[in-house]
Amino acid sequence: MLADKAYTHPSTRQALRSRRIKATLPERADQIARRKAKSSAGGRPPAFDSGLYKLRNVVERCFNRLKQFRGLATRYAKRAAYHRAEIVLACIILHLR
């Protein structure tokens, strides 16, 4: 799972660990300071792959480009098949531009 600093709460990390989901989440500055203040009792920093985290923006840019299609952004289609068809059509249009 790739997410931003808003999802780095210890309970979120624990829930992901209990489900055996590998997470790439950067630590917030306050969490780093709190861990360092505890010295050796603070534990080691969580694993973080900065190269993988940099790829996260590709997905976010894709979602932002899809939001320009009003029907997708507001989810007017009630059936999943119609919504999927809208997504496929929007992707084709974006690819052809």
C-alpha atoms as a PDB file:
ATOM      1  CA  MET A   1       0.000   0.000   0.000  1.00  0.00           C
ATOM      2  CA  LEU A   2       1.271   3.431  -0.917  1.00  0.00           C
ATOM      3  CA  ALA A   3      -0.168   6.390   0.955  1.00  0.00           C
ATOM      4  CA  ASP A   4       0.817   9.834   2.160  1.00  0.00           C
ATOM      5  CA  LYS A   5       1.689  11.066   5.638  1.00  0.00           C
ATOM      6  CA  ALA A   6      -1.959  11.348   6.673  1.00  0.00           C
ATOM      7  CA  TYR A   7      -2.146   7.556   7.011  1.00  0.00           C
ATOM      8  CA  THR A   8       0.938   7.008   9.167  1.00  0.00           C
ATOM      9  CA  HIS A   9      -0.857   6.689  12.490  1.00  0.00           C
ATOM     10  CA  PRO A  10       0.413   3.730  14.501  1.00  0.00           C
ATOM     11  CA  SER A  11      -3.039   2.123  14.573  1.00  0.00           C
ATOM     12  CA  THR A  12      -3.158   2.210  10.765  1.00  0.00           C
ATOM     13  CA  ARG A  13       0.262   0.615  10.534  1.00  0.00           C
ATOM     14  CA  GLN A  14      -0.797  -2.041  13.062  1.00  0.00           C
ATOM     15  CA  ALA A  15      -3.972  -2.838  11.116  1.00  0.00           C
ATOM     16  CA  LEU A  16      -1.971  -3.245   7.911  1.00  0.00           C
ATOM     17  CA  ARG A  17       0.589  -5.426   9.663  1.00  0.00           C
ATOM     18  CA  SER A  18      -2.129  -7.667  11.097  1.00  0.00           C
ATOM     19  CA  ARG A  19      -3.439  -8.217   7.558  1.00  0.00           C
ATOM     20  CA  ARG A  20       0.113  -8.801   6.264  1.00  0.00           C
ATOM     21  CA  ILE A  21      -0.050  -5.815   3.918  1.00  0.00           C
ATOM     22  CA  LYS A  22       3.281  -4.171   3.149  1.00  0.00           C
ATOM     23  CA  ALA A  23       3.012  -0.412   3.471  1.00  0.00           C
ATOM     24  CA  THR A  24       5.184   2.382   2.141  1.00  0.00           C
ATOM     25  CA  LEU A  25       4.240   5.326   4.308  1.00  0.00           C
ATOM     26  CA  PRO A  26       6.548   8.247   5.144  1.00  0.00           C
ATOM     27  CA  GLU A  27       6.838   9.215   8.791  1.00  0.00           C
ATOM     28  CA  ARG A  28       5.527  12.575   9.952  1.00  0.00           C
ATOM     29  CA  ALA A  29       8.002  14.960  11.566  1.00  0.00           C
ATOM     30  CA  ASP A  30       6.285  14.730  14.962  1.00  0.00           C
ATOM     31  CA  GLN A  31       6.490  10.929  14.905  1.00  0.00           C
ATOM     32  CA  ILE A  32      10.209  11.070  14.095  1.00  0.00           C
ATOM     33  CA  ALA A  33      10.814  13.555  16.926  1.00  0.00           C
ATOM     34  CA  ARG A  34       8.805  11.451  19.394  1.00  0.00           C
ATOM     35  CA  ARG A  35      10.704   8.291  18.443  1.00  0.00           C
ATOM     36  CA  LYS A  36      14.077  10.049  18.787  1.00  0.00           C
ATOM     37  CA  ALA A  37      13.076  11.543  22.142  1.00  0.00           C
ATOM     38  CA  LYS A  38      12.517   8.038  23.487  1.00  0.00           C
ATOM     39  CA  SER A  39      16.069   7.143  22.441  1.00  0.00           C
ATOM     40  CA  SER A  40      16.597   3.382  22.163  1.00  0.00           C
ATOM     41  CA  ALA A  41      13.127   2.721  23.617  1.00  0.00           C
ATOM     42  CA  GLY A  42      11.612   4.456  20.594  1.00  0.00           C
ATOM     43  CA  GLY A  43      12.444   1.536  18.368  1.00  0.00           C
ATOM     44  CA  ARG A  44      13.674   1.585  14.832  1.00  0.00           C
ATOM     45  CA  PRO A  45      12.034   3.591  12.064  1.00  0.00           C
ATOM     46  CA  PRO A  46       9.505   1.748   9.904  1.00  0.00           C
ATOM     47  CA  ALA A  47      10.675   0.495   6.517  1.00  0.00           C
ATOM     48  CA  PHE A  48      10.262   3.055   3.757  1.00  0.00           C
ATOM     49  CA  ASP A  49      11.110   2.657   0.067  1.00  0.00           C
ATOM     50  CA  SER A  50      11.523   6.180  -1.319  1.00  0.00           C
ATOM     51  CA  GLY A  51      11.868   4.950  -4.913  1.00  0.00           C
ATOM     52  CA  LEU A  52       8.518   3.153  -4.734  1.00  0.00           C
ATOM     53  CA  TYR A  53       6.926   6.132  -2.989  1.00  0.00           C
ATOM     54  CA  LYS A  54       7.933   8.425  -5.867  1.00  0.00           C
ATOM     55  CA  LEU A  55       5.823   6.301  -8.230  1.00  0.00           C
ATOM     56  CA  ARG A  56       2.708   7.129  -6.186  1.00  0.00           C
ATOM     57  CA  ASN A  57       2.261  10.421  -8.029  1.00  0.00           C
ATOM     58  CA  VAL A  58       1.600   8.570 -11.304  1.00  0.00           C
ATOM     59  CA  VAL A  59      -1.580   7.072  -9.866  1.00  0.00           C
ATOM     60  CA  GLU A  60      -2.650  10.367  -8.307  1.00  0.00           C
ATOM     61  CA  ARG A  61      -2.152  12.224 -11.605  1.00  0.00           C
ATOM     62  CA  CYS A  62      -4.243   9.581 -13.372  1.00  0.00           C
ATOM     63  CA  PHE A  63      -7.111  10.075 -10.909  1.00  0.00           C
ATOM     64  CA  ASN A  64      -6.870  13.848 -11.301  1.00  0.00           C
ATOM     65  CA  ARG A  65      -7.076  13.555 -15.079  1.00  0.00           C
ATOM     66  CA  LEU A  66     -10.094  11.264 -14.805  1.00  0.00           C
ATOM     67  CA  LYS A  67     -11.843  13.798 -12.550  1.00  0.00           C
ATOM     68  CA  GLN A  68     -12.223  16.170 -15.486  1.00  0.00           C
ATOM     69  CA  PHE A  69     -14.996  13.883 -16.715  1.00  0.00           C
ATOM     70  CA  ARG A  70     -17.975  15.067 -14.698  1.00  0.00           C
ATOM     71  CA  GLY A  71     -19.880  11.797 -14.840  1.00  0.00           C
ATOM     72  CA  LEU A  72     -16.965   9.918 -13.320  1.00  0.00           C
ATOM     73  CA  ALA A  73     -16.252  12.460 -10.634  1.00  0.00           C
ATOM     74  CA  THR A  74     -19.851  12.572  -9.429  1.00  0.00           C
ATOM     75  CA  ARG A  75     -20.647   8.893 -10.088  1.00  0.00           C
ATOM     76  CA  TYR A  76     -23.951   9.422 -11.904  1.00  0.00           C
ATOM     77  CA  ALA A  77     -23.975   5.835 -13.189  1.00  0.00           C
ATOM     78  CA  LYS A  78     -25.736   3.620 -10.670  1.00  0.00           C
ATOM     79  CA  ARG A  79     -24.639   0.274 -12.062  1.00  0.00           C
ATOM     80  CA  ALA A  80     -21.042  -0.878 -11.769  1.00  0.00           C
ATOM     81  CA  ALA A  81     -20.937  -1.989 -15.410  1.00  0.00           C
ATOM     82  CA  TYR A  82     -21.953   1.486 -16.614  1.00  0.00           C
ATOM     83  CA  HIS A  83     -19.421   3.153 -14.341  1.00  0.00           C
ATOM     84  CA  ARG A  84     -16.685   0.824 -15.589  1.00  0.00           C
ATOM     85  CA  ALA A  85     -17.650   1.601 -19.180  1.00  0.00           C
ATOM     86  CA  GLU A  86     -17.333   5.324 -18.428  1.00  0.00           C
ATOM     87  CA  ILE A  87     -13.867   4.770 -16.967  1.00  0.00           C
ATOM     88  CA  VAL A  88     -12.748   2.750 -20.002  1.00  0.00           C
ATOM     89  CA  LEU A  89     -14.100   5.382 -22.379  1.00  0.00           C
ATOM     90  CA  ALA A  90     -12.404   8.201 -20.435  1.00  0.00           C
ATOM     91  CA  CYS A  91      -9.105   6.308 -20.470  1.00  0.00           C
ATOM     92  CA  ILE A  92      -9.351   5.826 -24.225  1.00  0.00           C
ATOM     93  CA  ILE A  93     -10.044   9.533 -24.739  1.00  0.00           C
ATOM     94  CA  LEU A  94      -7.104  10.521 -22.522  1.00  0.00           C
ATOM     95  CA  HIS A  95      -4.831   8.078 -24.317  1.00  0.00           C
ATOM     96  CA  LEU A  96      -5.775   9.452 -27.739  1.00  0.00           C
ATOM     97  CA  ARG A  97      -5.069  13.080 -26.748  1.00  0.00           C
END
